N, C-alpha and C. Protein backbone atom coordinates (compact mmCIF):
# COMPACT_ATOMS: atom_id res chain seq x y z
N MET A 1 -11.80 -16.25 -69.57
CA MET A 1 -11.69 -15.63 -68.27
C MET A 1 -12.99 -15.79 -67.49
N ARG A 2 -12.82 -15.84 -66.18
CA ARG A 2 -13.99 -15.98 -65.32
C ARG A 2 -14.40 -14.62 -64.79
N LYS A 3 -15.65 -14.47 -64.67
CA LYS A 3 -16.17 -13.25 -64.05
C LYS A 3 -16.36 -13.51 -62.56
N ARG A 4 -16.07 -12.52 -61.76
CA ARG A 4 -16.28 -12.66 -60.32
C ARG A 4 -17.76 -12.62 -60.00
N GLU A 5 -18.12 -13.43 -59.07
CA GLU A 5 -19.52 -13.43 -58.64
C GLU A 5 -19.63 -12.48 -57.46
N ARG A 6 -20.08 -11.30 -57.73
CA ARG A 6 -20.13 -10.27 -56.70
C ARG A 6 -21.20 -10.54 -55.66
N GLY A 7 -22.27 -11.13 -56.04
CA GLY A 7 -23.37 -11.38 -55.10
C GLY A 7 -22.97 -12.29 -53.96
N ARG A 8 -22.23 -13.34 -54.26
CA ARG A 8 -21.82 -14.29 -53.23
C ARG A 8 -20.78 -13.70 -52.30
N ALA A 9 -19.83 -13.01 -52.85
CA ALA A 9 -18.78 -12.43 -52.02
C ALA A 9 -19.34 -11.43 -51.04
N SER A 10 -20.27 -10.61 -51.47
CA SER A 10 -20.83 -9.61 -50.57
C SER A 10 -21.71 -10.26 -49.52
N ALA A 11 -22.37 -11.38 -49.88
CA ALA A 11 -23.22 -12.07 -48.92
C ALA A 11 -22.38 -12.67 -47.80
N THR A 12 -21.25 -13.28 -48.14
CA THR A 12 -20.40 -13.86 -47.10
C THR A 12 -19.73 -12.78 -46.29
N THR A 13 -19.37 -11.69 -46.93
CA THR A 13 -18.74 -10.58 -46.22
C THR A 13 -19.71 -9.97 -45.21
N SER A 14 -20.95 -9.79 -45.63
CA SER A 14 -21.92 -9.20 -44.71
C SER A 14 -22.26 -10.15 -43.58
N ALA A 15 -22.23 -11.46 -43.83
CA ALA A 15 -22.50 -12.44 -42.78
C ALA A 15 -21.37 -12.43 -41.75
N SER A 16 -20.12 -12.35 -42.23
CA SER A 16 -19.00 -12.32 -41.30
C SER A 16 -18.95 -11.01 -40.53
N ALA A 17 -19.35 -9.92 -41.16
CA ALA A 17 -19.41 -8.63 -40.49
C ALA A 17 -20.47 -8.63 -39.40
N ALA A 18 -21.60 -9.29 -39.67
CA ALA A 18 -22.67 -9.37 -38.68
C ALA A 18 -22.23 -10.21 -37.49
N ALA A 19 -21.49 -11.28 -37.73
CA ALA A 19 -21.00 -12.13 -36.65
C ALA A 19 -19.98 -11.37 -35.81
N ALA A 20 -19.13 -10.59 -36.45
CA ALA A 20 -18.12 -9.82 -35.73
C ALA A 20 -18.76 -8.74 -34.88
N SER A 21 -19.80 -8.10 -35.39
CA SER A 21 -20.44 -7.03 -34.62
C SER A 21 -21.21 -7.59 -33.44
N SER A 22 -21.76 -8.82 -33.56
CA SER A 22 -22.49 -9.40 -32.45
C SER A 22 -21.53 -9.81 -31.34
N SER A 23 -20.32 -10.29 -31.69
CA SER A 23 -19.36 -10.66 -30.66
C SER A 23 -18.73 -9.42 -30.04
N ALA A 24 -18.63 -8.33 -30.80
CA ALA A 24 -18.05 -7.10 -30.27
C ALA A 24 -18.99 -6.44 -29.27
N SER A 25 -20.29 -6.69 -29.42
CA SER A 25 -21.24 -6.05 -28.52
C SER A 25 -21.38 -6.81 -27.21
N ALA A 26 -20.76 -8.00 -27.10
CA ALA A 26 -20.82 -8.78 -25.86
C ALA A 26 -20.08 -8.00 -24.77
N VAL A 27 -20.65 -7.98 -23.58
CA VAL A 27 -20.07 -7.22 -22.47
C VAL A 27 -18.92 -8.01 -21.88
N HIS A 28 -17.77 -7.38 -21.79
CA HIS A 28 -16.58 -8.00 -21.19
C HIS A 28 -16.32 -7.36 -19.85
N LYS A 29 -16.46 -8.14 -18.78
CA LYS A 29 -16.20 -7.62 -17.45
C LYS A 29 -14.72 -7.78 -17.13
N PRO A 30 -14.11 -6.76 -16.51
CA PRO A 30 -12.70 -6.91 -16.15
C PRO A 30 -12.54 -7.94 -15.04
N PRO A 31 -11.41 -8.63 -14.99
CA PRO A 31 -11.22 -9.65 -13.96
C PRO A 31 -11.19 -9.04 -12.57
N LYS A 32 -11.61 -9.82 -11.59
CA LYS A 32 -11.65 -9.35 -10.20
C LYS A 32 -10.24 -9.38 -9.60
N CYS A 33 -10.04 -8.57 -8.59
CA CYS A 33 -8.78 -8.53 -7.85
C CYS A 33 -8.85 -9.55 -6.71
N VAL A 34 -7.84 -10.39 -6.63
CA VAL A 34 -7.68 -11.31 -5.50
C VAL A 34 -6.36 -10.94 -4.85
N VAL A 35 -6.41 -10.41 -3.62
CA VAL A 35 -5.22 -9.86 -2.97
C VAL A 35 -4.24 -10.99 -2.64
N PRO A 36 -3.00 -10.90 -3.18
CA PRO A 36 -1.99 -11.93 -2.91
C PRO A 36 -1.22 -11.65 -1.63
N ASN A 37 -0.53 -12.65 -1.12
CA ASN A 37 0.34 -12.47 0.04
C ASN A 37 1.68 -11.96 -0.45
N VAL A 38 2.06 -10.74 -0.07
CA VAL A 38 3.33 -10.17 -0.52
C VAL A 38 4.26 -9.88 0.65
N LEU A 39 3.95 -10.39 1.83
CA LEU A 39 4.80 -10.16 2.99
C LEU A 39 6.20 -10.75 2.76
N HIS A 40 7.21 -10.01 3.20
CA HIS A 40 8.62 -10.39 3.12
C HIS A 40 9.19 -10.39 1.70
N LEU A 41 8.43 -9.86 0.73
CA LEU A 41 8.96 -9.71 -0.62
C LEU A 41 9.57 -8.32 -0.77
N LYS A 42 10.55 -8.21 -1.67
CA LYS A 42 11.09 -6.88 -1.98
C LYS A 42 9.97 -6.07 -2.63
N LEU A 43 10.04 -4.76 -2.51
CA LEU A 43 8.96 -3.89 -2.97
C LEU A 43 8.64 -4.09 -4.45
N ALA A 44 9.64 -4.17 -5.30
CA ALA A 44 9.40 -4.33 -6.74
C ALA A 44 8.66 -5.63 -7.05
N LYS A 45 9.06 -6.72 -6.41
CA LYS A 45 8.38 -8.00 -6.64
C LYS A 45 6.97 -7.97 -6.08
N ALA A 46 6.78 -7.30 -4.95
CA ALA A 46 5.45 -7.20 -4.36
C ALA A 46 4.51 -6.44 -5.29
N LYS A 47 4.99 -5.33 -5.86
CA LYS A 47 4.17 -4.54 -6.79
C LYS A 47 3.79 -5.37 -8.01
N ALA A 48 4.75 -6.11 -8.55
CA ALA A 48 4.48 -6.93 -9.73
C ALA A 48 3.44 -8.01 -9.42
N ARG A 49 3.56 -8.64 -8.27
CA ARG A 49 2.61 -9.70 -7.91
C ARG A 49 1.20 -9.14 -7.70
N ILE A 50 1.12 -7.95 -7.11
CA ILE A 50 -0.18 -7.30 -6.88
C ILE A 50 -0.83 -6.96 -8.22
N ARG A 51 -0.07 -6.41 -9.14
CA ARG A 51 -0.62 -6.03 -10.45
C ARG A 51 -1.01 -7.25 -11.26
N ARG A 52 -0.26 -8.34 -11.10
CA ARG A 52 -0.57 -9.57 -11.83
C ARG A 52 -1.92 -10.16 -11.39
N ARG A 53 -2.32 -9.85 -10.16
CA ARG A 53 -3.60 -10.35 -9.65
C ARG A 53 -4.72 -9.33 -9.85
N HIS A 54 -4.52 -8.35 -10.74
CA HIS A 54 -5.51 -7.36 -11.15
C HIS A 54 -5.87 -6.39 -10.02
N CYS A 55 -4.91 -6.14 -9.12
CA CYS A 55 -5.11 -5.17 -8.05
C CYS A 55 -4.21 -3.96 -8.32
N GLY A 56 -4.38 -2.92 -7.55
CA GLY A 56 -3.53 -1.75 -7.67
C GLY A 56 -2.69 -1.58 -6.42
N VAL A 57 -1.58 -0.88 -6.56
CA VAL A 57 -0.73 -0.61 -5.41
C VAL A 57 -1.18 0.71 -4.81
N GLY A 58 -1.53 0.68 -3.54
CA GLY A 58 -2.00 1.88 -2.85
C GLY A 58 -0.84 2.62 -2.20
N ARG A 59 -1.11 3.25 -1.08
CA ARG A 59 -0.10 4.05 -0.38
C ARG A 59 1.01 3.15 0.15
N ILE A 60 2.24 3.60 -0.03
CA ILE A 60 3.40 2.87 0.47
C ILE A 60 4.01 3.69 1.60
N THR A 61 4.02 3.14 2.80
CA THR A 61 4.64 3.81 3.95
C THR A 61 5.91 3.06 4.32
N ARG A 62 6.82 3.78 4.92
CA ARG A 62 8.10 3.17 5.31
C ARG A 62 8.24 3.25 6.82
N ARG A 63 8.68 2.15 7.41
CA ARG A 63 8.89 2.06 8.86
C ARG A 63 10.29 1.52 9.11
N HIS A 64 10.84 1.93 10.24
CA HIS A 64 12.14 1.38 10.62
C HIS A 64 11.97 -0.10 10.92
N ALA A 65 12.92 -0.89 10.44
CA ALA A 65 12.85 -2.34 10.63
C ALA A 65 14.27 -2.87 10.80
N ASN A 66 14.37 -4.13 11.16
CA ASN A 66 15.71 -4.71 11.31
C ASN A 66 16.37 -4.86 9.94
N LEU A 67 17.61 -5.18 9.94
CA LEU A 67 18.40 -5.23 8.71
C LEU A 67 17.82 -6.21 7.69
N ALA A 68 17.29 -7.33 8.15
CA ALA A 68 16.76 -8.35 7.24
C ALA A 68 15.52 -7.87 6.50
N ASN A 69 14.77 -6.94 7.08
CA ASN A 69 13.51 -6.50 6.46
C ASN A 69 13.63 -5.19 5.70
N ARG A 70 14.82 -4.65 5.54
CA ARG A 70 14.97 -3.41 4.79
C ARG A 70 14.62 -3.62 3.33
N GLY A 71 13.72 -2.77 2.82
CA GLY A 71 13.30 -2.87 1.43
C GLY A 71 12.25 -3.94 1.18
N ARG A 72 11.80 -4.59 2.25
CA ARG A 72 10.82 -5.66 2.11
C ARG A 72 9.48 -5.25 2.73
N VAL A 73 8.41 -5.86 2.26
CA VAL A 73 7.08 -5.56 2.78
C VAL A 73 6.95 -6.20 4.16
N ILE A 74 6.64 -5.37 5.16
CA ILE A 74 6.46 -5.90 6.51
C ILE A 74 5.00 -5.89 6.94
N LYS A 75 4.14 -5.21 6.16
CA LYS A 75 2.71 -5.19 6.46
C LYS A 75 1.95 -4.89 5.18
N GLN A 76 0.78 -5.49 5.04
CA GLN A 76 -0.09 -5.18 3.90
C GLN A 76 -1.52 -5.09 4.39
N SER A 77 -2.28 -4.23 3.72
CA SER A 77 -3.68 -4.07 4.07
C SER A 77 -4.48 -3.92 2.79
N PRO A 78 -5.47 -4.74 2.52
CA PRO A 78 -5.96 -5.84 3.34
C PRO A 78 -5.03 -7.04 3.27
N LYS A 79 -5.22 -7.96 4.21
CA LYS A 79 -4.43 -9.18 4.21
C LYS A 79 -4.81 -10.03 3.02
N ALA A 80 -3.95 -10.95 2.68
CA ALA A 80 -4.20 -11.84 1.55
C ALA A 80 -5.42 -12.70 1.81
N SER A 81 -6.26 -12.85 0.79
CA SER A 81 -7.44 -13.70 0.92
C SER A 81 -7.91 -14.09 -0.47
N ALA A 82 -8.81 -15.06 -0.50
CA ALA A 82 -9.38 -15.51 -1.77
C ALA A 82 -10.60 -14.66 -2.14
N LYS A 83 -10.94 -13.69 -1.31
CA LYS A 83 -12.11 -12.84 -1.58
C LYS A 83 -11.88 -12.05 -2.86
N LYS A 84 -12.90 -12.02 -3.70
CA LYS A 84 -12.79 -11.27 -4.96
C LYS A 84 -13.24 -9.84 -4.73
N ARG A 85 -12.38 -8.92 -5.13
CA ARG A 85 -12.65 -7.49 -4.98
C ARG A 85 -12.70 -6.85 -6.36
N PRO A 86 -13.18 -5.61 -6.45
CA PRO A 86 -13.26 -4.96 -7.77
C PRO A 86 -11.88 -4.83 -8.42
N ASN A 87 -11.84 -4.85 -9.75
CA ASN A 87 -10.59 -4.71 -10.48
C ASN A 87 -9.91 -3.40 -10.11
N GLY A 88 -8.60 -3.46 -9.84
CA GLY A 88 -7.84 -2.27 -9.50
C GLY A 88 -7.90 -1.90 -8.03
N TYR A 89 -8.47 -2.76 -7.19
CA TYR A 89 -8.57 -2.50 -5.75
C TYR A 89 -7.17 -2.25 -5.20
N ARG A 90 -7.01 -1.18 -4.44
CA ARG A 90 -5.68 -0.79 -3.97
C ARG A 90 -5.27 -1.50 -2.69
N VAL A 91 -4.03 -1.98 -2.69
CA VAL A 91 -3.45 -2.66 -1.54
C VAL A 91 -2.40 -1.75 -0.94
N LYS A 92 -2.57 -1.41 0.35
CA LYS A 92 -1.62 -0.54 1.04
C LYS A 92 -0.45 -1.38 1.56
N LEU A 93 0.76 -0.86 1.43
CA LEU A 93 1.94 -1.59 1.84
C LEU A 93 2.78 -0.78 2.82
N THR A 94 3.41 -1.47 3.78
CA THR A 94 4.40 -0.87 4.68
C THR A 94 5.71 -1.59 4.40
N VAL A 95 6.76 -0.81 4.13
CA VAL A 95 8.05 -1.35 3.75
C VAL A 95 9.10 -0.98 4.80
N GLY A 96 9.97 -1.93 5.11
CA GLY A 96 11.03 -1.68 6.07
C GLY A 96 12.04 -0.69 5.53
N ARG A 97 12.48 0.19 6.41
CA ARG A 97 13.43 1.24 6.00
C ARG A 97 14.82 0.90 6.52
């Protein structure tokens, strides 16, 4: 029978533990919010697209609109742009009623 070599196993274990702790201490910044264009989308799709771009959905107001725009986003603030904003930046929406 073979005897286990305890010295080697603990040395490799401690080396892998040290590597894991050094990578865990690396600072991970959350992704920036890039406001997408959600005009003329249904509210549910607009919310999903906003969240997918690391933004948050802000206040939702409803305005009277023509039949084609009912349930759809007719205004957003801020407008869509490539500008990077803080993660979770809230986008205000106006939806046709």
